[in-house]
Amino acid sequence: MKIARVIGTTISTIKDEKVRGSKLLIVRDTDHTGEFIGKPYVAVDLVDAGVHELVLTGHGSSARQTYLTKDCPVDAVVVAVIDHLEVDGEVVFKKE
């Protein structure tokens, strides 16, 4: 899993039938301090995350192992919203 921040949403009216009804979020990976790294990508939202939230994402074949994405053509899923992040005994993120 990777830490990422939700930076937006996307809507697609024409898509594969297996992902129809799925909420699609634009996310960007972050380091443990919340600084952006890498480029934005789209992930299927499994947990009703919102814009600006810090989340955990699953990728590749792991993204296709959930009950909603089994055998679906997806590369990334949002699997959790982070409430608290502690690194080396220091709280580096706490959801307000």
PDB file of N, CA and C in Angstrom:
ATOM      1  N   MET A   1       0.830  -1.187   0.000  1.00  0.00           N
ATOM      2  CA  MET A   1       0.000   0.000   0.000  1.00  0.00           C
ATOM      3  C   MET A   1       0.868   1.241   0.000  1.00  0.00           C
ATOM      4  N   LYS A   2       0.284   2.325  -0.504  1.00  0.00           N
ATOM      5  CA  LYS A   2       0.965   3.605  -0.557  1.00  0.00           C
ATOM      6  C   LYS A   2       0.106   4.667   0.128  1.00  0.00           C
ATOM      7  N   ILE A   3       0.769   5.694   0.651  1.00  0.00           N
ATOM      8  CA  ILE A   3       0.066   6.846   1.209  1.00  0.00           C
ATOM      9  C   ILE A   3      -0.158   7.831   0.071  1.00  0.00           C
ATOM     10  N   ALA A   4      -1.375   8.367  -0.022  1.00  0.00           N
ATOM     11  CA  ALA A   4      -1.698   9.328  -1.075  1.00  0.00           C
ATOM     12  C   ALA A   4      -2.696  10.345  -0.539  1.00  0.00           C
ATOM     13  N   ARG A   5      -2.806  11.462  -1.241  1.00  0.00           N
ATOM     14  CA  ARG A   5      -3.811  12.471  -0.908  1.00  0.00           C
ATOM     15  C   ARG A   5      -4.777  12.574  -2.076  1.00  0.00           C
ATOM     16  N   VAL A   6      -6.066  12.651  -1.749  1.00  0.00           N
ATOM     17  CA  VAL A   6      -7.094  12.828  -2.775  1.00  0.00           C
ATOM     18  C   VAL A   6      -7.047  14.286  -3.218  1.00  0.00           C
ATOM     19  N   ILE A   7      -6.831  14.498  -4.522  1.00  0.00           N
ATOM     20  CA  ILE A   7      -6.722  15.868  -5.023  1.00  0.00           C
ATOM     21  C   ILE A   7      -7.884  16.248  -5.943  1.00  0.00           C
ATOM     22  N   GLY A   8      -8.765  15.304  -6.226  1.00  0.00           N
ATOM     23  CA  GLY A   8      -9.907  15.618  -7.080  1.00  0.00           C
ATOM     24  C   GLY A   8     -10.741  14.397  -7.396  1.00  0.00           C
ATOM     25  N   THR A   9     -11.738  14.603  -8.215  1.00  0.00           N
ATOM     26  CA  THR A   9     -12.622  13.522  -8.650  1.00  0.00           C
ATOM     27  C   THR A   9     -12.714  13.559 -10.168  1.00  0.00           C
ATOM     28  N   THR A  10     -13.183  12.466 -10.724  1.00  0.00           N
ATOM     29  CA  THR A  10     -13.412  12.440 -12.163  1.00  0.00           C
ATOM     30  C   THR A  10     -14.699  11.675 -12.442  1.00  0.00           C
ATOM     31  N   ILE A  11     -15.357  12.056 -13.504  1.00  0.00           N
ATOM     32  CA  ILE A  11     -16.600  11.397 -13.913  1.00  0.00           C
ATOM     33  C   ILE A  11     -16.422  10.914 -15.339  1.00  0.00           C
ATOM     34  N   SER A  12     -16.831   9.683 -15.577  1.00  0.00           N
ATOM     35  CA  SER A  12     -16.779   9.104 -16.908  1.00  0.00           C
ATOM     36  C   SER A  12     -18.123   8.465 -17.200  1.00  0.00           C
ATOM     37  N   THR A  13     -18.805   8.948 -18.209  1.00  0.00           N
ATOM     38  CA  THR A  13     -20.116   8.392 -18.528  1.00  0.00           C
ATOM     39  C   THR A  13     -20.015   7.133 -19.372  1.00  0.00           C
ATOM     40  N   ILE A  14     -18.906   6.986 -20.097  1.00  0.00           N
ATOM     41  CA  ILE A  14     -18.708   5.787 -20.905  1.00  0.00           C
ATOM     42  C   ILE A  14     -17.509   5.052 -20.326  1.00  0.00           C
ATOM     43  N   LYS A  15     -17.739   3.852 -19.790  1.00  0.00           N
ATOM     44  CA  LYS A  15     -16.663   3.072 -19.181  1.00  0.00           C
ATOM     45  C   LYS A  15     -17.001   1.597 -19.201  1.00  0.00           C
ATOM     46  N   ASP A  16     -16.029   0.778 -18.900  1.00  0.00           N
ATOM     47  CA  ASP A  16     -16.230  -0.657 -18.833  1.00  0.00           C
ATOM     48  C   ASP A  16     -17.364  -0.967 -17.856  1.00  0.00           C
ATOM     49  N   GLU A  17     -18.205  -1.914 -18.241  1.00  0.00           N
ATOM     50  CA  GLU A  17     -19.369  -2.272 -17.430  1.00  0.00           C
ATOM     51  C   GLU A  17     -18.990  -2.690 -16.006  1.00  0.00           C
ATOM     52  N   LYS A  18     -17.825  -3.304 -15.831  1.00  0.00           N
ATOM     53  CA  LYS A  18     -17.419  -3.796 -14.522  1.00  0.00           C
ATOM     54  C   LYS A  18     -17.063  -2.681 -13.538  1.00  0.00           C
ATOM     55  N   VAL A  19     -16.766  -1.494 -14.028  1.00  0.00           N
ATOM     56  CA  VAL A  19     -16.476  -0.376 -13.120  1.00  0.00           C
ATOM     57  C   VAL A  19     -17.613   0.636 -13.081  1.00  0.00           C
ATOM     58  N   ARG A  20     -18.688   0.343 -13.775  1.00  0.00           N
ATOM     59  CA  ARG A  20     -19.855   1.227 -13.753  1.00  0.00           C
ATOM     60  C   ARG A  20     -20.374   1.328 -12.324  1.00  0.00           C
ATOM     61  N   GLY A  21     -20.666   2.545 -11.889  1.00  0.00           N
ATOM     62  CA  GLY A  21     -21.154   2.776 -10.533  1.00  0.00           C
ATOM     63  C   GLY A  21     -20.048   3.030  -9.528  1.00  0.00           C
ATOM     64  N   SER A  22     -18.805   2.901  -9.929  1.00  0.00           N
ATOM     65  CA  SER A  22     -17.676   3.136  -9.035  1.00  0.00           C
ATOM     66  C   SER A  22     -17.322   4.618  -8.990  1.00  0.00           C
ATOM     67  N   LYS A  23     -17.000   5.108  -7.802  1.00  0.00           N
ATOM     68  CA  LYS A  23     -16.536   6.484  -7.632  1.00  0.00           C
ATOM     69  C   LYS A  23     -15.051   6.517  -7.984  1.00  0.00           C
ATOM     70  N   LEU A  24     -14.667   7.442  -8.839  1.00  0.00           N
ATOM     71  CA  LEU A  24     -13.282   7.552  -9.289  1.00  0.00           C
ATOM     72  C   LEU A  24     -12.655   8.815  -8.703  1.00  0.00           C
ATOM     73  N   LEU A  25     -11.524   8.641  -8.037  1.00  0.00           N
ATOM     74  CA  LEU A  25     -10.825   9.757  -7.413  1.00  0.00           C
ATOM     75  C   LEU A  25      -9.477   9.986  -8.090  1.00  0.00           C
ATOM     76  N   ILE A  26      -9.055  11.233  -8.123  1.00  0.00           N
ATOM     77  CA  ILE A  26      -7.710  11.560  -8.577  1.00  0.00           C
ATOM     78  C   ILE A  26      -6.865  11.688  -7.312  1.00  0.00           C
ATOM     79  N   VAL A  27      -5.814  10.891  -7.232  1.00  0.00           N
ATOM     80  CA  VAL A  27      -4.953  10.884  -6.050  1.00  0.00           C
ATOM     81  C   VAL A  27      -3.501  11.088  -6.470  1.00  0.00           C
ATOM     82  N   ARG A  28      -2.705  11.493  -5.497  1.00  0.00           N
ATOM     83  CA  ARG A  28      -1.269  11.667  -5.758  1.00  0.00           C
ATOM     84  C   ARG A  28      -0.511  11.154  -4.546  1.00  0.00           C
ATOM     85  N   ASP A  29       0.468  10.296  -4.777  1.00  0.00           N
ATOM     86  CA  ASP A  29       1.260   9.730  -3.687  1.00  0.00           C
ATOM     87  C   ASP A  29       1.947  10.831  -2.893  1.00  0.00           C
ATOM     88  N   THR A  30       2.139  10.576  -1.589  1.00  0.00           N
ATOM     89  CA  THR A  30       2.853  11.503  -0.713  1.00  0.00           C
ATOM     90  C   THR A  30       3.901  10.722   0.071  1.00  0.00           C
ATOM     91  N   ASP A  31       4.844  11.452   0.644  1.00  0.00           N
ATOM     92  CA  ASP A  31       5.756  10.807   1.587  1.00  0.00           C
ATOM     93  C   ASP A  31       5.092  10.834   2.963  1.00  0.00           C
ATOM     94  N   HIS A  32       5.805  10.399   3.998  1.00  0.00           N
ATOM     95  CA  HIS A  32       5.200  10.309   5.334  1.00  0.00           C
ATOM     96  C   HIS A  32       4.891  11.674   5.952  1.00  0.00           C
ATOM     97  N   THR A  33       5.418  12.747   5.358  1.00  0.00           N
ATOM     98  CA  THR A  33       5.127  14.087   5.872  1.00  0.00           C
ATOM     99  C   THR A  33       3.982  14.753   5.128  1.00  0.00           C
ATOM    100  N   GLY A  34       3.476  14.099   4.099  1.00  0.00           N
ATOM    101  CA  GLY A  34       2.390  14.661   3.312  1.00  0.00           C
ATOM    102  C   GLY A  34       2.833  15.412   2.079  1.00  0.00           C
ATOM    103  N   GLU A  35       4.144  15.450   1.814  1.00  0.00           N
ATOM    104  CA  GLU A  35       4.661  16.116   0.613  1.00  0.00           C
ATOM    105  C   GLU A  35       4.409  15.239  -0.615  1.00  0.00           C
ATOM    106  N   PHE A  36       3.919  15.853  -1.672  1.00  0.00           N
ATOM    107  CA  PHE A  36       3.607  15.109  -2.888  1.00  0.00           C
ATOM    108  C   PHE A  36       4.861  14.537  -3.535  1.00  0.00           C
ATOM    109  N   ILE A  37       4.700  13.320  -4.051  1.00  0.00           N
ATOM    110  CA  ILE A  37       5.731  12.680  -4.862  1.00  0.00           C
ATOM    111  C   ILE A  37       5.029  12.016  -6.045  1.00  0.00           C
ATOM    112  N   GLY A  38       5.666  11.983  -7.164  1.00  0.00           N
ATOM    113  CA  GLY A  38       5.076  11.332  -8.327  1.00  0.00           C
ATOM    114  C   GLY A  38       3.964  12.137  -8.968  1.00  0.00           C
ATOM    115  N   LYS A  39       3.326  11.496  -9.931  1.00  0.00           N
ATOM    116  CA  LYS A  39       2.277  12.129 -10.710  1.00  0.00           C
ATOM    117  C   LYS A  39       0.900  11.663 -10.243  1.00  0.00           C
ATOM    118  N   PRO A  40      -0.141  12.461 -10.486  1.00  0.00           N
ATOM    119  CA  PRO A  40      -1.511  12.049 -10.126  1.00  0.00           C
ATOM    120  C   PRO A  40      -1.965  10.835 -10.936  1.00  0.00           C
ATOM    121  N   TYR A  41      -2.869  10.075 -10.360  1.00  0.00           N
ATOM    122  CA  TYR A  41      -3.478   8.937 -11.047  1.00  0.00           C
ATOM    123  C   TYR A  41      -4.896   8.747 -10.530  1.00  0.00           C
ATOM    124  N   VAL A  42      -5.661   7.930 -11.217  1.00  0.00           N
ATOM    125  CA  VAL A  42      -7.053   7.673 -10.851  1.00  0.00           C
ATOM    126  C   VAL A  42      -7.138   6.361 -10.089  1.00  0.00           C
ATOM    127  N   ALA A  43      -7.927   6.372  -9.008  1.00  0.00           N
ATOM    128  CA  ALA A  43      -8.144   5.168  -8.209  1.00  0.00           C
ATOM    129  C   ALA A  43      -9.639   5.003  -7.937  1.00  0.00           C
ATOM    130  N   VAL A  44     -10.090   3.757  -7.892  1.00  0.00           N
ATOM    131  CA  VAL A  44     -11.470   3.455  -7.534  1.00  0.00           C
ATOM    132  C   VAL A  44     -11.604   3.606  -6.016  1.00  0.00           C
ATOM    133  N   ASP A  45     -12.595   4.383  -5.589  1.00  0.00           N
ATOM    134  CA  ASP A  45     -12.804   4.653  -4.168  1.00  0.00           C
ATOM    135  C   ASP A  45     -13.687   3.565  -3.555  1.00  0.00           C
ATOM    136  N   LEU A  46     -13.143   2.824  -2.599  1.00  0.00           N
ATOM    137  CA  LEU A  46     -13.900   1.764  -1.927  1.00  0.00           C
ATOM    138  C   LEU A  46     -14.429   2.189  -0.563  1.00  0.00           C
ATOM    139  N   VAL A  47     -14.016   3.376  -0.081  1.00  0.00           N
ATOM    140  CA  VAL A  47     -14.311   3.752   1.316  1.00  0.00           C
ATOM    141  C   VAL A  47     -14.964   5.121   1.457  1.00  0.00           C
ATOM    142  N   ASP A  48     -15.438   5.696   0.364  1.00  0.00           N
ATOM    143  CA  ASP A  48     -16.094   7.004   0.372  1.00  0.00           C
ATOM    144  C   ASP A  48     -15.182   8.111   0.895  1.00  0.00           C
ATOM    145  N   ALA A  49     -13.955   8.138   0.401  1.00  0.00           N
ATOM    146  CA  ALA A  49     -12.994   9.177   0.767  1.00  0.00           C
ATOM    147  C   ALA A  49     -13.381  10.491   0.098  1.00  0.00           C
ATOM    148  N   GLY A  50     -12.890  11.589   0.660  1.00  0.00           N
ATOM    149  CA  GLY A  50     -13.184  12.903   0.109  1.00  0.00           C
ATOM    150  C   GLY A  50     -11.928  13.630  -0.333  1.00  0.00           C
ATOM    151  N   VAL A  51     -12.137  14.708  -1.074  1.00  0.00           N
ATOM    152  CA  VAL A  51     -11.029  15.528  -1.550  1.00  0.00           C
ATOM    153  C   VAL A  51     -10.256  16.078  -0.355  1.00  0.00           C
ATOM    154  N   HIS A  52      -8.949  16.098  -0.451  1.00  0.00           N
ATOM    155  CA  HIS A  52      -7.977  16.562   0.551  1.00  0.00           C
ATOM    156  C   HIS A  52      -7.660  15.517   1.623  1.00  0.00           C
ATOM    157  N   GLU A  53      -8.373  14.388   1.650  1.00  0.00           N
ATOM    158  CA  GLU A  53      -8.089  13.382   2.678  1.00  0.00           C
ATOM    159  C   GLU A  53      -6.826  12.598   2.336  1.00  0.00           C
ATOM    160  N   LEU A  54      -6.129  12.172   3.385  1.00  0.00           N
ATOM    161  CA  LEU A  54      -4.971  11.299   3.246  1.00  0.00           C
ATOM    162  C   LEU A  54      -5.485   9.866   3.280  1.00  0.00           C
ATOM    163  N   VAL A  55      -5.068   9.052   2.320  1.00  0.00           N
ATOM    164  CA  VAL A  55      -5.629   7.707   2.167  1.00  0.00           C
ATOM    165  C   VAL A  55      -4.527   6.682   1.941  1.00  0.00           C
ATOM    166  N   LEU A  56      -4.899   5.417   2.035  1.00  0.00           N
ATOM    167  CA  LEU A  56      -4.031   4.308   1.655  1.00  0.00           C
ATOM    168  C   LEU A  56      -4.564   3.730   0.351  1.00  0.00           C
ATOM    169  N   THR A  57      -3.655   3.444  -0.573  1.00  0.00           N
ATOM    170  CA  THR A  57      -4.060   2.905  -1.866  1.00  0.00           C
ATOM    171  C   THR A  57      -3.397   1.552  -2.106  1.00  0.00           C
ATOM    172  N   GLY A  58      -4.110   0.686  -2.805  1.00  0.00           N
ATOM    173  CA  GLY A  58      -3.578  -0.600  -3.240  1.00  0.00           C
ATOM    174  C   GLY A  58      -3.418  -0.572  -4.746  1.00  0.00           C
ATOM    175  N   HIS A  59      -2.448  -1.333  -5.260  1.00  0.00           N
ATOM    176  CA  HIS A  59      -2.111  -1.233  -6.684  1.00  0.00           C
ATOM    177  C   HIS A  59      -1.929  -2.601  -7.338  1.00  0.00           C
ATOM    178  N   GLY A  60      -2.023  -2.597  -8.669  1.00  0.00           N
ATOM    179  CA  GLY A  60      -1.776  -3.801  -9.452  1.00  0.00           C
ATOM    180  C   GLY A  60      -2.772  -4.910  -9.159  1.00  0.00           C
ATOM    181  N   SER A  61      -2.274  -6.134  -9.092  1.00  0.00           N
ATOM    182  CA  SER A  61      -3.172  -7.278  -8.874  1.00  0.00           C
ATOM    183  C   SER A  61      -3.877  -7.179  -7.527  1.00  0.00           C
ATOM    184  N   SER A  62      -3.266  -6.541  -6.540  1.00  0.00           N
ATOM    185  CA  SER A  62      -3.916  -6.355  -5.234  1.00  0.00           C
ATOM    186  C   SER A  62      -5.167  -5.492  -5.364  1.00  0.00           C
ATOM    187  N   ALA A  63      -5.172  -4.553  -6.293  1.00  0.00           N
ATOM    188  CA  ALA A  63      -6.330  -3.685  -6.497  1.00  0.00           C
ATOM    189  C   ALA A  63      -7.534  -4.461  -7.020  1.00  0.00           C
ATOM    190  N   ARG A  64      -7.285  -5.631  -7.572  1.00  0.00           N
ATOM    191  CA  ARG A  64      -8.372  -6.443  -8.121  1.00  0.00           C
ATOM    192  C   ARG A  64      -8.788  -7.572  -7.190  1.00  0.00           C
ATOM    193  N   GLN A  65      -8.438  -7.474  -5.924  1.00  0.00           N
ATOM    194  CA  GLN A  65      -8.763  -8.528  -4.970  1.00  0.00           C
ATOM    195  C   GLN A  65      -9.875  -8.166  -4.006  1.00  0.00           C
ATOM    196  N   THR A  66     -10.487  -6.994  -4.146  1.00  0.00           N
ATOM    197  CA  THR A  66     -11.567  -6.611  -3.249  1.00  0.00           C
ATOM    198  C   THR A  66     -12.890  -7.147  -3.790  1.00  0.00           C
ATOM    199  N   TYR A  67     -13.903  -7.159  -2.945  1.00  0.00           N
ATOM    200  CA  TYR A  67     -15.201  -7.677  -3.386  1.00  0.00           C
ATOM    201  C   TYR A  67     -15.823  -6.800  -4.478  1.00  0.00           C
ATOM    202  N   LEU A  68     -15.473  -5.505  -4.524  1.00  0.00           N
ATOM    203  CA  LEU A  68     -16.027  -4.612  -5.552  1.00  0.00           C
ATOM    204  C   LEU A  68     -15.214  -4.586  -6.843  1.00  0.00           C
ATOM    205  N   THR A  69     -13.943  -4.982  -6.784  1.00  0.00           N
ATOM    206  CA  THR A  69     -13.091  -4.865  -7.974  1.00  0.00           C
ATOM    207  C   THR A  69     -12.581  -6.203  -8.497  1.00  0.00           C
ATOM    208  N   LYS A  70     -13.096  -7.303  -7.959  1.00  0.00           N
ATOM    209  CA  LYS A  70     -12.640  -8.619  -8.411  1.00  0.00           C
ATOM    210  C   LYS A  70     -12.845  -8.746  -9.917  1.00  0.00           C
ATOM    211  N   ASP A  71     -11.768  -9.097 -10.609  1.00  0.00           N
ATOM    212  CA  ASP A  71     -11.799  -9.286 -12.062  1.00  0.00           C
ATOM    213  C   ASP A  71     -12.180  -8.024 -12.841  1.00  0.00           C
ATOM    214  N   CYS A  72     -11.925  -6.857 -12.258  1.00  0.00           N
ATOM    215  CA  CYS A  72     -12.195  -5.589 -12.943  1.00  0.00           C
ATOM    216  C   CYS A  72     -10.894  -5.003 -13.492  1.00  0.00           C
ATOM    217  N   PRO A  73     -10.993  -4.216 -14.543  1.00  0.00           N
ATOM    218  CA  PRO A  73      -9.801  -3.619 -15.145  1.00  0.00           C
ATOM    219  C   PRO A  73      -9.348  -2.358 -14.398  1.00  0.00           C
ATOM    220  N   VAL A  74      -8.859  -2.534 -13.150  1.00  0.00           N
ATOM    221  CA  VAL A  74      -8.397  -1.398 -12.352  1.00  0.00           C
ATOM    222  C   VAL A  74      -6.954  -1.625 -11.913  1.00  0.00           C
ATOM    223  N   ASP A  75      -6.220  -0.541 -11.771  1.00  0.00           N
ATOM    224  CA  ASP A  75      -4.826  -0.588 -11.332  1.00  0.00           C
ATOM    225  C   ASP A  75      -4.639  -0.050  -9.926  1.00  0.00           C
ATOM    226  N   ALA A  76      -5.592   0.761  -9.434  1.00  0.00           N
ATOM    227  CA  ALA A  76      -5.435   1.379  -8.115  1.00  0.00           C
ATOM    228  C   ALA A  76      -6.790   1.516  -7.435  1.00  0.00           C
ATOM    229  N   VAL A  77      -6.792   1.301  -6.119  1.00  0.00           N
ATOM    230  CA  VAL A  77      -7.996   1.457  -5.308  1.00  0.00           C
ATOM    231  C   VAL A  77      -7.638   2.202  -4.023  1.00  0.00           C
ATOM    232  N   VAL A  78      -8.594   2.983  -3.530  1.00  0.00           N
ATOM    233  CA  VAL A  78      -8.462   3.605  -2.214  1.00  0.00           C
ATOM    234  C   VAL A  78      -9.096   2.637  -1.228  1.00  0.00           C
ATOM    235  N   VAL A  79      -8.289   2.134  -0.276  1.00  0.00           N
ATOM    236  CA  VAL A  79      -8.768   1.103   0.639  1.00  0.00           C
ATOM    237  C   VAL A  79      -8.967   1.594   2.070  1.00  0.00           C
ATOM    238  N   ALA A  80      -8.468   2.793   2.408  1.00  0.00           N
ATOM    239  CA  ALA A  80      -8.616   3.308   3.765  1.00  0.00           C
ATOM    240  C   ALA A  80      -8.402   4.809   3.787  1.00  0.00           C
ATOM    241  N   VAL A  81      -9.071   5.471   4.731  1.00  0.00           N
ATOM    242  CA  VAL A  81      -8.829   6.884   5.015  1.00  0.00           C
ATOM    243  C   VAL A  81      -7.977   6.925   6.274  1.00  0.00           C
ATOM    244  N   ILE A  82      -6.871   7.664   6.232  1.00  0.00           N
ATOM    245  CA  ILE A  82      -5.949   7.724   7.368  1.00  0.00           C
ATOM    246  C   ILE A  82      -6.455   8.741   8.388  1.00  0.00           C
ATOM    247  N   ASP A  83      -6.558   8.302   9.643  1.00  0.00           N
ATOM    248  CA  ASP A  83      -6.954   9.186  10.739  1.00  0.00           C
ATOM    249  C   ASP A  83      -5.746   9.727  11.488  1.00  0.00           C
ATOM    250  N   HIS A  84      -4.686   8.920  11.536  1.00  0.00           N
ATOM    251  CA  HIS A  84      -3.536   9.237  12.382  1.00  0.00           C
ATOM    252  C   HIS A  84      -2.319   8.564  11.767  1.00  0.00           C
ATOM    253  N   LEU A  85      -1.224   9.297  11.675  1.00  0.00           N
ATOM    254  CA  LEU A  85      -0.003   8.748  11.110  1.00  0.00           C
ATOM    255  C   LEU A  85       1.149   9.073  12.053  1.00  0.00           C
ATOM    256  N   GLU A  86       1.801   8.034  12.573  1.00  0.00           N
ATOM    257  CA  GLU A  86       2.915   8.199  13.489  1.00  0.00           C
ATOM    258  C   GLU A  86       4.151   7.545  12.890  1.00  0.00           C
ATOM    259  N   VAL A  87       5.261   8.284  12.849  1.00  0.00           N
ATOM    260  CA  VAL A  87       6.512   7.791  12.290  1.00  0.00           C
ATOM    261  C   VAL A  87       7.612   8.021  13.325  1.00  0.00           C
ATOM    262  N   ASP A  88       8.334   6.965  13.686  1.00  0.00           N
ATOM    263  CA  ASP A  88       9.417   7.046  14.670  1.00  0.00           C
ATOM    264  C   ASP A  88       8.982   7.728  15.961  1.00  0.00           C
ATOM    265  N   GLY A  89       7.772   7.413  16.420  1.00  0.00           N
ATOM    266  CA  GLY A  89       7.274   7.947  17.676  1.00  0.00           C
ATOM    267  C   GLY A  89       6.731   9.358  17.605  1.00  0.00           C
ATOM    268  N   GLU A  90       6.753   9.958  16.426  1.00  0.00           N
ATOM    269  CA  GLU A  90       6.262  11.328  16.256  1.00  0.00           C
ATOM    270  C   GLU A  90       5.001  11.321  15.398  1.00  0.00           C
ATOM    271  N   VAL A  91       3.959  11.997  15.858  1.00  0.00           N
ATOM    272  CA  VAL A  91       2.732  12.119  15.087  1.00  0.00           C
ATOM    273  C   VAL A  91       2.992  13.119  13.962  1.00  0.00           C
ATOM    274  N   VAL A  92       2.939  12.634  12.720  1.00  0.00           N
ATOM    275  CA  VAL A  92       3.197  13.506  11.575  1.00  0.00           C
ATOM    276  C   VAL A  92       1.910  13.909  10.863  1.00  0.00           C
ATOM    277  N   PHE A  93       0.800  13.244  11.207  1.00  0.00           N
ATOM    278  CA  PHE A  93      -0.487  13.599  10.646  1.00  0.00           C
ATOM    279  C   PHE A  93      -1.589  13.170  11.596  1.00  0.00           C
ATOM    280  N   LYS A  94      -2.546  14.043  11.799  1.00  0.00           N
ATOM    281  CA  LYS A  94      -3.745  13.717  12.581  1.00  0.00           C
ATOM    282  C   LYS A  94      -4.927  14.396  11.899  1.00  0.00           C
ATOM    283  N   LYS A  95      -5.931  13.591  11.544  1.00  0.00           N
ATOM    284  CA  LYS A  95      -7.107  14.110  10.860  1.00  0.00           C
ATOM    285  C   LYS A  95      -7.856  15.040  11.796  1.00  0.00           C
ATOM    286  N   GLU A  96      -8.240  16.182  11.265  1.00  0.00           N
ATOM    287  CA  GLU A  96      -8.946  17.171  12.091  1.00  0.00           C
ATOM    288  C   GLU A  96     -10.403  16.851  12.190  1.00  0.00           C
TER     289      GLU A  96
END
